[in-house]
Amino acid sequence: MQDRNENRIGRGPVGPYAAGPPPQALHVDLEPLERFRLAEIGRALVIGSVLIACTVWQMLVWIVRPRGRSLADAASEGMVNGFEILGPTFVKLGQLMASSSGVFPPPLANACLRCLDDVPPVPASEARRVIEADLGHPISELFASFEDVPLAAASVAQVHACTLLDGREAVIKVQRPNIRRRMVVDLRAAYWCARRLQRFEFFRIANATAIIRDMHGATMTELNSAVEADRQTRFREKIGAFGDNSSVTAPEIYWEYCGPHVICMERMHGLPLDRFEELHHLDTRRLIRDGVKVWLESVLLHGPFHGDVHAGNLWVLHDGRVAMLDFGIVGELPEEWRSILRSLFFATLIDGDFSKVAHGIRTLGYATSKDGSDSELGQQVALALGPILTSDLGQLNISDLIVALIGLGRHWGVASPEELVLFGKQLGYFERYATQLAPGWVLGQDLYLFRNVFPTEVAAKALERGEILPDS
């Protein structure tokens, strides 16, 4: 017992993941979405009633006071009112729609923007109970200090600042109590409702059932704190894999203070990337290029890539580095798809030969029934994607990119992984930043971004252009 007490005083308590998460902790339990029992029946009735009532009410208000809005605008506002009444699962659904404006109808995506604001936090006493249950010790023994007022609160978790016993500043991300059970019931009920609402054109255009299916997979993964912390660790470790990228970072995970429902990590101080006026004294073009370079390397080479790079998760730190925060949504493409994307960028940047993209698709067993050689099919890719990827990123229409990817997939019979659409969404975020931070920047023609992806070819191309690539 004496040794244990000395350990608490000297290094702080050790939680269940002190040596890293065990393999079983990294398993994501995708509970069946189609299961429908008494709890789901009751919740479905509530969901359907709230959404229909809120939508119809706003449409009736529109008849009396249109205020320059369209009927679709009014219906969308009503639906989002319903999301807020129904709670965290539906706020998260609204966040998904708001961050995918090129995929969902514009009136709905715009109305959902208010879902990106913080949601009301759970009381500090409940957050403390979750932490103590996960880590097995009282808060007073875990931390030198703990702030009861959260720094941020989202639909799944909230973040509290704390100081470790050794003096390190940290934040701890705490899941809302019983959030998994609540979200599973909500998602099942929402899926049941969505299938029945598909008969109405508005919901059919919004592809309501597909939205719920996508959200189900993402949410079940996000609810596994060990998976999130592991992916963040892997991402952070790979940033400097080639000996560069010192200007980009991600918070270090403190595994001793992590558990099934909590993640503890390094605290960082800075500004969100969209605080343009406060960043004017910095080389903002270099900031966005450095961030995109690291992100592209994670997509094309390493595996886990950040799947939610809105400004709240992409900061400029006080020391000038770019930091990627909050790895609740992470994509990871199979190697076969990473190879196809590498071929796509290689053709765009280096040699203009899109036939390798077509060959990669056929290697996966798709487009085998299509007439024409790889070169001819490659021309279809070049016509569809080339102009998009070689344009000023500030003028990139992300909906065009996603529609082009999906259109090619349908034409070739490709069941492309959801991560490809997630990849496209992140380009949409970078598009917004580039408009302000790097006007005129062409992502698909920037050799610097691909220096570690195609080292020999990029070096030769830079020599040919007489271009000196930045150090990083």
Protein backbone atom coordinates (compact mmCIF):
# COMPACT_ATOMS: atom_id res chain seq x y z
CA MET A 1 0.00 0.00 0.00
CA GLN A 2 2.88 2.35 0.74
CA ASP A 3 4.26 1.96 -2.82
CA ARG A 4 0.84 2.71 -4.26
CA ASN A 5 0.52 5.90 -2.22
CA GLU A 6 4.01 6.97 -3.23
CA ASN A 7 3.01 6.39 -6.86
CA ARG A 8 0.01 8.67 -6.42
CA ILE A 9 2.12 11.40 -4.89
CA GLY A 10 5.02 11.08 -7.31
CA ARG A 11 3.49 10.35 -10.71
CA GLY A 12 -0.22 10.55 -10.19
CA PRO A 13 -2.73 7.69 -10.36
CA VAL A 14 -2.67 5.26 -13.22
CA GLY A 15 -5.89 4.66 -15.16
CA PRO A 16 -6.93 1.54 -17.12
CA TYR A 17 -5.11 2.60 -20.30
CA ALA A 18 -1.79 3.56 -18.72
CA ALA A 19 0.09 1.21 -21.05
CA GLY A 20 -2.12 2.14 -24.01
CA PRO A 21 -5.52 0.66 -24.83
CA PRO A 22 -5.81 -3.15 -24.95
CA PRO A 23 -6.82 -4.59 -28.34
CA GLN A 24 -10.39 -5.28 -27.22
CA ALA A 25 -10.84 -1.61 -26.32
CA LEU A 26 -10.26 -0.66 -29.97
CA HIS A 27 -13.17 -2.75 -31.21
CA VAL A 28 -16.12 -0.64 -32.37
CA ASP A 29 -19.43 -2.27 -31.54
CA LEU A 30 -21.80 -1.31 -34.37
CA GLU A 31 -25.11 -2.13 -32.72
CA PRO A 32 -27.71 -3.04 -35.38
CA LEU A 33 -29.49 0.02 -36.71
CA GLU A 34 -32.55 -1.93 -37.89
CA ARG A 35 -33.47 -3.31 -34.44
CA PHE A 36 -36.78 -1.82 -33.39
CA ARG A 37 -38.30 -2.52 -29.97
CA LEU A 38 -40.59 -0.84 -27.47
CA ALA A 39 -38.12 1.92 -26.54
CA GLU A 40 -37.52 2.71 -30.22
CA ILE A 41 -41.27 2.71 -30.99
CA GLY A 42 -41.94 5.28 -28.29
CA ARG A 43 -38.99 7.41 -29.32
CA ALA A 44 -39.95 7.20 -33.01
CA LEU A 45 -43.40 8.54 -32.21
CA VAL A 46 -41.83 11.44 -30.32
CA ILE A 47 -39.33 12.15 -33.13
CA GLY A 48 -41.92 12.03 -35.86
CA SER A 49 -44.35 14.21 -33.93
CA VAL A 50 -41.75 16.84 -33.04
CA LEU A 51 -40.23 17.09 -36.52
CA ILE A 52 -43.57 17.21 -38.32
CA ALA A 53 -45.06 19.69 -35.85
CA CYS A 54 -42.05 22.02 -35.96
CA THR A 55 -41.78 21.87 -39.74
CA VAL A 56 -45.50 22.41 -40.35
CA TRP A 57 -45.62 25.25 -37.84
CA GLN A 58 -42.82 27.13 -39.55
CA MET A 59 -44.48 26.60 -42.93
CA LEU A 60 -47.71 28.07 -41.54
CA VAL A 61 -45.77 31.02 -40.12
CA TRP A 62 -44.19 31.49 -43.55
CA ILE A 63 -47.64 31.81 -45.16
CA VAL A 64 -48.40 34.72 -42.84
CA ARG A 65 -44.89 36.25 -42.63
CA PRO A 66 -42.61 35.03 -45.43
CA ARG A 67 -39.93 37.68 -44.60
CA GLY A 68 -38.16 37.09 -47.89
CA ARG A 69 -37.67 33.38 -47.22
CA SER A 70 -38.64 30.50 -49.46
CA LEU A 71 -40.95 27.74 -48.28
CA ALA A 72 -37.95 25.40 -48.22
CA ASP A 73 -36.12 27.84 -45.92
CA ALA A 74 -39.07 27.89 -43.54
CA ALA A 75 -39.42 24.10 -43.54
CA SER A 76 -35.69 23.72 -42.89
CA GLU A 77 -35.79 26.16 -39.97
CA GLY A 78 -38.68 24.20 -38.50
CA MET A 79 -36.80 20.93 -38.82
CA VAL A 80 -33.75 22.37 -37.04
CA ASN A 81 -36.02 23.68 -34.28
CA GLY A 82 -37.11 20.06 -33.90
CA PHE A 83 -33.49 18.89 -33.79
CA GLU A 84 -32.80 21.24 -30.88
CA ILE A 85 -35.87 20.03 -28.98
CA LEU A 86 -34.96 16.36 -29.53
CA GLY A 87 -31.49 16.74 -28.04
CA PRO A 88 -27.85 15.70 -28.62
CA THR A 89 -28.34 13.03 -31.28
CA PHE A 90 -30.28 15.37 -33.51
CA VAL A 91 -28.01 18.33 -32.83
CA LYS A 92 -25.20 16.09 -34.06
CA LEU A 93 -27.29 15.25 -37.13
CA GLY A 94 -27.63 18.98 -37.75
CA GLN A 95 -23.87 19.42 -37.41
CA LEU A 96 -23.34 16.72 -40.03
CA MET A 97 -25.66 18.49 -42.43
CA ALA A 98 -24.14 21.92 -41.74
CA SER A 99 -20.63 20.65 -42.47
CA SER A 100 -21.69 18.98 -45.73
CA SER A 101 -23.29 21.87 -47.58
CA GLY A 102 -22.36 20.40 -50.95
CA VAL A 103 -24.22 17.17 -50.22
CA PHE A 104 -27.52 18.28 -48.65
CA PRO A 105 -30.08 20.81 -49.94
CA PRO A 106 -28.74 24.34 -49.32
CA PRO A 107 -31.77 25.54 -47.27
CA LEU A 108 -31.35 22.61 -44.87
CA ALA A 109 -27.56 22.90 -44.63
CA ASN A 110 -27.81 26.65 -43.98
CA ALA A 111 -30.48 26.25 -41.31
CA CYS A 112 -28.30 23.66 -39.56
CA LEU A 113 -25.41 26.11 -39.11
CA ARG A 114 -26.73 27.06 -35.69
CA CYS A 115 -26.20 23.45 -34.56
CA LEU A 116 -22.45 24.14 -34.70
CA ASP A 117 -22.73 26.30 -31.57
CA ASP A 118 -21.98 24.73 -28.20
CA VAL A 119 -24.83 22.79 -26.61
CA PRO A 120 -25.69 23.14 -22.89
CA PRO A 121 -23.18 21.18 -20.77
CA VAL A 122 -24.05 18.54 -18.22
CA PRO A 123 -23.48 19.58 -14.58
CA ALA A 124 -19.88 19.38 -13.40
CA SER A 125 -20.89 16.86 -10.73
CA GLU A 126 -21.95 14.40 -13.45
CA ALA A 127 -18.75 14.96 -15.45
CA ARG A 128 -16.73 14.35 -12.28
CA ARG A 129 -18.57 11.07 -11.65
CA VAL A 130 -17.76 9.82 -15.15
CA ILE A 131 -14.06 10.67 -14.73
CA GLU A 132 -13.82 9.07 -11.29
CA ALA A 133 -15.63 5.92 -12.42
CA ASP A 134 -13.32 5.54 -15.45
CA LEU A 135 -10.04 6.25 -13.67
CA GLY A 136 -10.85 4.77 -10.28
CA HIS A 137 -9.79 7.71 -8.11
CA PRO A 138 -11.31 10.93 -6.74
CA ILE A 139 -10.74 14.11 -8.75
CA SER A 140 -8.68 15.50 -5.85
CA GLU A 141 -6.19 12.64 -6.24
CA LEU A 142 -6.16 12.74 -10.03
CA PHE A 143 -5.43 16.43 -10.65
CA ALA A 144 -3.73 19.38 -9.01
CA SER A 145 -6.67 21.45 -10.27
CA PHE A 146 -9.87 20.84 -12.21
CA GLU A 147 -12.15 23.50 -13.73
CA ASP A 148 -15.83 22.73 -13.30
CA VAL A 149 -16.92 25.14 -16.04
CA PRO A 150 -16.20 23.34 -19.34
CA LEU A 151 -14.18 24.99 -22.09
CA ALA A 152 -16.62 23.59 -24.67
CA ALA A 153 -19.64 21.31 -24.77
CA ALA A 154 -20.75 19.24 -27.77
CA SER A 155 -23.42 16.63 -28.43
CA VAL A 156 -21.32 13.65 -27.30
CA ALA A 157 -18.82 15.09 -24.83
CA GLN A 158 -17.56 18.21 -23.10
CA VAL A 159 -14.04 19.42 -22.37
CA HIS A 160 -12.71 20.53 -18.98
CA ALA A 161 -9.35 22.15 -18.27
CA CYS A 162 -7.19 20.59 -15.59
CA THR A 163 -3.64 20.53 -14.28
CA LEU A 164 -1.86 17.23 -13.74
CA LEU A 165 -0.02 16.51 -10.50
CA ASP A 166 3.32 17.11 -12.22
CA GLY A 167 2.23 20.59 -13.30
CA ARG A 168 1.38 19.91 -16.96
CA GLU A 169 -1.63 21.78 -18.33
CA ALA A 170 -4.18 19.40 -19.80
CA VAL A 171 -7.77 19.07 -20.97
CA ILE A 172 -10.00 16.10 -20.37
CA LYS A 173 -12.79 15.19 -22.77
CA VAL A 174 -15.70 13.57 -20.93
CA GLN A 175 -18.60 11.75 -22.55
CA ARG A 176 -22.09 12.70 -21.44
CA PRO A 177 -23.49 10.12 -18.98
CA ASN A 178 -25.42 7.29 -20.68
CA ILE A 179 -25.02 9.00 -24.04
CA ARG A 180 -24.39 5.74 -25.91
CA ARG A 181 -27.70 4.13 -24.98
CA ARG A 182 -29.60 7.33 -25.70
CA MET A 183 -27.99 7.79 -29.12
CA VAL A 184 -28.49 4.15 -30.13
CA VAL A 185 -32.23 4.38 -29.39
CA ASP A 186 -32.43 7.76 -31.14
CA LEU A 187 -30.62 6.53 -34.25
CA ARG A 188 -32.78 3.41 -34.55
CA ALA A 189 -35.93 5.45 -34.13
CA ALA A 190 -34.69 8.13 -36.54
CA TYR A 191 -33.88 5.48 -39.13
CA TRP A 192 -37.38 4.03 -38.82
CA CYS A 193 -38.87 7.50 -39.24
CA ALA A 194 -36.58 8.35 -42.16
CA ARG A 195 -37.62 5.26 -44.08
CA ARG A 196 -41.24 6.32 -43.83
CA LEU A 197 -40.58 9.99 -44.58
CA GLN A 198 -38.81 9.07 -47.82
CA ARG A 199 -42.19 9.15 -49.57
CA PHE A 200 -42.07 12.96 -49.32
CA GLU A 201 -39.92 14.70 -51.91
CA PHE A 202 -38.13 16.96 -49.42
CA PHE A 203 -36.83 14.00 -47.39
CA ARG A 204 -36.12 11.95 -50.52
CA ILE A 205 -33.92 14.73 -51.91
CA ALA A 206 -32.15 15.00 -48.56
CA ASN A 207 -31.59 11.19 -48.67
CA ALA A 208 -32.65 10.90 -45.05
CA THR A 209 -31.96 7.16 -44.63
CA ALA A 210 -28.42 7.45 -45.96
CA ILE A 211 -27.75 10.34 -43.58
CA ILE A 212 -28.81 8.23 -40.58
CA ARG A 213 -26.74 5.22 -41.73
CA ASP A 214 -23.63 7.38 -42.14
CA MET A 215 -24.21 9.04 -38.80
CA HIS A 216 -24.70 5.67 -37.09
CA GLY A 217 -21.27 4.42 -38.17
CA ALA A 218 -19.53 7.68 -37.29
CA THR A 219 -21.26 8.00 -33.92
CA MET A 220 -20.53 4.45 -32.78
CA THR A 221 -16.87 5.06 -33.58
CA GLU A 222 -16.84 8.45 -31.86
CA LEU A 223 -18.36 6.92 -28.72
CA ASN A 224 -15.28 4.68 -28.38
CA SER A 225 -12.83 6.99 -26.60
CA ALA A 226 -9.97 4.50 -26.93
CA VAL A 227 -10.29 4.53 -30.73
CA GLU A 228 -10.30 8.34 -30.83
CA ALA A 229 -7.25 8.63 -28.57
CA ASP A 230 -5.40 5.91 -30.48
CA ARG A 231 -6.01 7.59 -33.84
CA GLN A 232 -4.93 10.95 -32.48
CA THR A 233 -1.72 9.36 -31.16
CA ARG A 234 -1.01 7.67 -34.50
CA PHE A 235 -1.68 10.89 -36.40
CA ARG A 236 0.62 12.88 -34.10
CA GLU A 237 3.42 10.31 -34.37
CA LYS A 238 3.31 10.36 -38.17
CA ILE A 239 3.51 14.16 -38.54
CA GLY A 240 7.30 14.09 -38.37
CA ALA A 241 7.78 10.76 -40.16
CA PHE A 242 9.96 12.39 -42.85
CA GLY A 243 11.91 14.69 -40.54
CA ASP A 244 9.95 17.82 -41.43
CA ASN A 245 6.55 19.35 -40.61
CA SER A 246 7.82 20.90 -37.39
CA SER A 247 5.30 23.72 -37.84
CA VAL A 248 2.30 21.39 -37.38
CA THR A 249 1.25 19.43 -34.32
CA ALA A 250 -1.59 17.67 -32.50
CA PRO A 251 -2.06 17.36 -28.71
CA GLU A 252 -0.21 14.56 -26.95
CA ILE A 253 -2.49 11.97 -25.34
CA TYR A 254 -1.84 11.33 -21.65
CA TRP A 255 -2.80 7.67 -21.55
CA GLU A 256 -2.48 7.40 -17.75
CA TYR A 257 -5.60 9.58 -17.51
CA CYS A 258 -7.67 7.93 -20.25
CA GLY A 259 -10.50 5.44 -19.90
CA PRO A 260 -13.53 4.09 -21.78
CA HIS A 261 -15.37 7.43 -21.54
CA VAL A 262 -12.60 10.00 -21.00
CA ILE A 263 -9.58 11.24 -22.95
CA CYS A 264 -6.89 13.39 -21.33
CA MET A 265 -4.45 15.32 -23.49
CA GLU A 266 -2.04 18.23 -23.69
CA ARG A 267 -3.68 21.65 -23.50
CA MET A 268 -2.87 24.06 -26.33
CA HIS A 269 -3.35 27.82 -26.57
CA GLY A 270 -4.07 29.70 -29.76
CA LEU A 271 -6.68 31.04 -32.17
CA PRO A 272 -9.02 29.27 -34.59
CA LEU A 273 -7.83 29.52 -38.18
CA ASP A 274 -10.83 31.61 -39.23
CA ARG A 275 -9.91 34.55 -36.95
CA PHE A 276 -8.53 36.20 -40.06
CA GLU A 277 -8.19 39.74 -38.69
CA GLU A 278 -6.06 38.53 -35.77
CA LEU A 279 -3.74 36.51 -38.01
CA HIS A 280 -2.89 39.26 -40.48
CA HIS A 281 0.65 39.66 -39.10
CA LEU A 282 1.49 36.02 -39.92
CA ASP A 283 2.36 34.33 -43.21
CA THR A 284 -1.16 32.94 -43.60
CA ARG A 285 -0.46 31.34 -46.98
CA ARG A 286 2.31 29.32 -45.36
CA LEU A 287 0.03 28.36 -42.45
CA ILE A 288 -2.64 26.86 -44.67
CA ARG A 289 -0.05 25.15 -46.91
CA ASP A 290 1.67 23.55 -43.90
CA GLY A 291 -1.63 22.32 -42.49
CA VAL A 292 -2.86 20.88 -45.78
CA LYS A 293 0.52 19.23 -46.43
CA VAL A 294 0.35 17.27 -43.17
CA TRP A 295 -3.30 16.43 -43.72
CA LEU A 296 -2.68 15.16 -47.27
CA GLU A 297 0.22 13.00 -46.08
CA SER A 298 -2.07 11.44 -43.49
CA VAL A 299 -4.68 10.69 -46.19
CA LEU A 300 -2.30 9.40 -48.88
CA LEU A 301 0.44 7.70 -46.85
CA HIS A 302 -0.19 7.10 -43.18
CA GLY A 303 -3.81 6.03 -42.64
CA PRO A 304 -5.86 8.00 -40.09
CA PHE A 305 -6.78 11.49 -41.28
CA HIS A 306 -8.65 14.25 -39.47
CA GLY A 307 -12.24 14.18 -40.66
CA ASP A 308 -13.55 17.43 -39.21
CA VAL A 309 -11.12 20.28 -39.93
CA HIS A 310 -13.51 23.17 -39.32
CA ALA A 311 -11.92 26.25 -37.77
CA GLY A 312 -12.74 25.18 -34.22
CA ASN A 313 -10.48 22.18 -34.71
CA LEU A 314 -7.71 23.92 -36.65
CA TRP A 315 -5.79 26.45 -34.59
CA VAL A 316 -2.80 28.72 -34.93
CA LEU A 317 -0.92 28.40 -31.64
CA HIS A 318 0.74 31.30 -29.87
CA ASP A 319 4.14 29.94 -30.97
CA GLY A 320 3.10 30.06 -34.64
CA ARG A 321 2.49 26.35 -35.20
CA VAL A 322 -0.71 24.93 -36.69
CA ALA A 323 -2.51 22.47 -34.40
CA MET A 324 -5.20 19.95 -35.33
CA LEU A 325 -7.59 19.32 -32.45
CA ASP A 326 -10.49 16.97 -31.66
CA PHE A 327 -10.15 13.65 -33.43
CA GLY A 328 -13.72 12.53 -32.77
CA ILE A 329 -14.27 12.14 -36.53
CA VAL A 330 -11.39 10.38 -38.29
CA GLY A 331 -11.27 8.68 -41.68
CA GLU A 332 -8.93 5.96 -42.83
CA LEU A 333 -8.88 4.78 -46.43
CA PRO A 334 -7.88 1.22 -47.37
CA GLU A 335 -4.47 1.10 -49.06
CA GLU A 336 -6.09 0.36 -52.43
CA TRP A 337 -8.01 3.64 -52.31
CA ARG A 338 -4.98 5.56 -51.05
CA SER A 339 -3.12 4.26 -54.10
CA ILE A 340 -5.91 5.47 -56.40
CA LEU A 341 -5.85 8.93 -54.83
CA ARG A 342 -2.05 9.05 -55.13
CA SER A 343 -2.42 8.24 -58.83
CA LEU A 344 -5.01 11.00 -59.14
CA PHE A 345 -2.73 13.63 -57.61
CA PHE A 346 0.31 12.31 -59.49
CA ALA A 347 -1.51 12.78 -62.77
CA THR A 348 -2.73 16.24 -61.77
CA LEU A 349 0.69 17.39 -60.57
CA ILE A 350 3.32 15.47 -62.55
CA ASP A 351 2.47 13.77 -65.83
CA GLY A 352 -1.22 14.19 -66.74
CA ASP A 353 -1.65 10.40 -67.11
CA PHE A 354 -4.97 9.48 -65.50
CA SER A 355 -4.88 5.90 -66.85
CA LYS A 356 -3.35 4.70 -63.57
CA VAL A 357 -6.47 5.87 -61.78
CA ALA A 358 -8.62 3.80 -64.13
CA HIS A 359 -6.27 0.83 -63.70
CA GLY A 360 -6.58 1.07 -59.91
CA ILE A 361 -10.36 1.11 -60.12
CA ARG A 362 -10.33 -1.96 -62.35
CA THR A 363 -7.92 -3.72 -60.01
CA LEU A 364 -10.61 -3.47 -57.34
CA GLY A 365 -13.01 -5.23 -59.67
CA TYR A 366 -14.95 -2.18 -60.85
CA ALA A 367 -15.55 -0.83 -64.36
CA THR A 368 -14.54 -4.22 -65.79
CA SER A 369 -17.59 -4.25 -68.05
CA LYS A 370 -16.81 -0.84 -69.53
CA ASP A 371 -15.42 -0.71 -73.03
CA GLY A 372 -12.20 1.11 -73.65
CA SER A 373 -8.63 0.97 -72.42
CA ASP A 374 -7.32 2.31 -69.13
CA SER A 375 -6.14 5.34 -71.05
CA GLU A 376 -9.61 6.02 -72.44
CA LEU A 377 -11.26 5.56 -69.06
CA GLY A 378 -8.56 7.76 -67.57
CA GLN A 379 -9.67 10.53 -69.89
CA GLN A 380 -13.10 10.37 -68.23
CA VAL A 381 -11.39 11.00 -64.89
CA ALA A 382 -9.35 13.85 -66.35
CA LEU A 383 -12.45 15.51 -67.80
CA ALA A 384 -14.41 15.12 -64.55
CA LEU A 385 -11.78 15.95 -61.91
CA GLY A 386 -8.84 17.61 -63.62
CA PRO A 387 -10.37 21.11 -63.91
CA ILE A 388 -11.51 20.97 -60.28
CA LEU A 389 -8.14 19.97 -58.84
CA THR A 390 -6.13 22.40 -60.95
CA SER A 391 -8.20 25.48 -60.10
CA ASP A 392 -7.59 28.15 -57.49
CA LEU A 393 -8.64 26.46 -54.24
CA GLY A 394 -10.50 29.60 -53.28
CA GLN A 395 -12.75 29.03 -56.31
CA LEU A 396 -13.16 25.29 -55.73
CA ASN A 397 -16.80 24.24 -55.61
CA ILE A 398 -16.66 21.30 -53.25
CA SER A 399 -20.11 20.14 -54.28
CA ASP A 400 -18.77 19.78 -57.83
CA LEU A 401 -15.92 17.59 -56.56
CA ILE A 402 -18.20 15.34 -54.50
CA VAL A 403 -20.78 15.09 -57.29
CA ALA A 404 -17.98 14.23 -59.74
CA LEU A 405 -16.61 11.51 -57.45
CA ILE A 406 -20.05 10.04 -56.87
CA GLY A 407 -20.96 10.33 -60.56
CA LEU A 408 -17.83 8.49 -61.66
CA GLY A 409 -18.49 5.85 -59.03
CA ARG A 410 -22.02 5.24 -60.24
CA HIS A 411 -20.93 5.19 -63.87
CA TRP A 412 -18.26 2.57 -63.13
CA GLY A 413 -20.27 0.61 -60.57
CA VAL A 414 -17.93 1.66 -57.75
CA ALA A 415 -19.11 1.25 -54.17
CA SER A 416 -16.64 3.87 -52.94
CA PRO A 417 -15.95 4.00 -49.19
CA GLU A 418 -17.62 6.74 -47.16
CA GLU A 419 -14.17 8.10 -46.35
CA LEU A 420 -13.88 9.40 -49.94
CA VAL A 421 -16.82 11.73 -49.33
CA LEU A 422 -15.33 12.61 -45.93
CA PHE A 423 -12.09 13.45 -47.76
CA GLY A 424 -14.00 15.72 -50.13
CA LYS A 425 -15.74 17.50 -47.24
CA GLN A 426 -12.41 18.45 -45.70
CA LEU A 427 -11.28 19.98 -48.98
CA GLY A 428 -14.40 22.10 -48.64
CA TYR A 429 -13.17 23.47 -45.31
CA PHE A 430 -9.72 24.21 -46.75
CA GLU A 431 -11.47 25.95 -49.65
CA ARG A 432 -13.06 28.41 -47.20
CA TYR A 433 -9.78 29.18 -45.45
CA ALA A 434 -7.86 29.53 -48.73
CA THR A 435 -10.22 32.24 -49.95
CA GLN A 436 -9.05 34.46 -47.09
CA LEU A 437 -5.59 33.14 -46.25
CA ALA A 438 -4.12 32.20 -49.64
CA PRO A 439 -5.98 33.77 -52.57
CA GLY A 440 -4.94 32.29 -55.89
CA TRP A 441 -3.49 29.14 -54.33
CA VAL A 442 -3.88 25.98 -56.47
CA LEU A 443 -3.71 22.91 -54.24
CA GLY A 444 -3.32 20.38 -57.06
CA GLN A 445 -0.32 22.24 -58.48
CA ASP A 446 1.55 22.95 -55.24
CA LEU A 447 4.72 20.80 -55.30
CA TYR A 448 5.44 21.55 -51.64
CA LEU A 449 2.35 19.63 -50.49
CA PHE A 450 3.53 16.43 -52.18
CA ARG A 451 7.25 16.56 -51.39
CA ASN A 452 7.03 13.48 -49.15
CA VAL A 453 4.44 11.71 -51.30
CA PHE A 454 6.39 11.81 -54.58
CA PRO A 455 9.91 12.86 -53.46
CA THR A 456 11.88 12.06 -56.63
CA GLU A 457 9.34 13.40 -59.09
CA VAL A 458 8.63 16.53 -57.06
CA ALA A 459 12.35 17.33 -56.80
CA ALA A 460 12.71 16.97 -60.58
CA LYS A 461 9.60 19.07 -61.24
CA ALA A 462 10.80 21.79 -58.88
CA LEU A 463 14.14 21.89 -60.70
CA GLU A 464 12.34 22.10 -64.02
CA ARG A 465 10.21 25.01 -62.76
CA GLY A 466 13.13 26.69 -61.04
CA GLU A 467 11.14 26.57 -57.83
CA ILE A 468 12.66 26.42 -54.34
CA LEU A 469 10.42 24.52 -51.93
CA PRO A 470 10.05 25.89 -48.36
CA ASP A 471 11.79 24.23 -45.44
CA SER A 472 9.52 22.92 -42.71
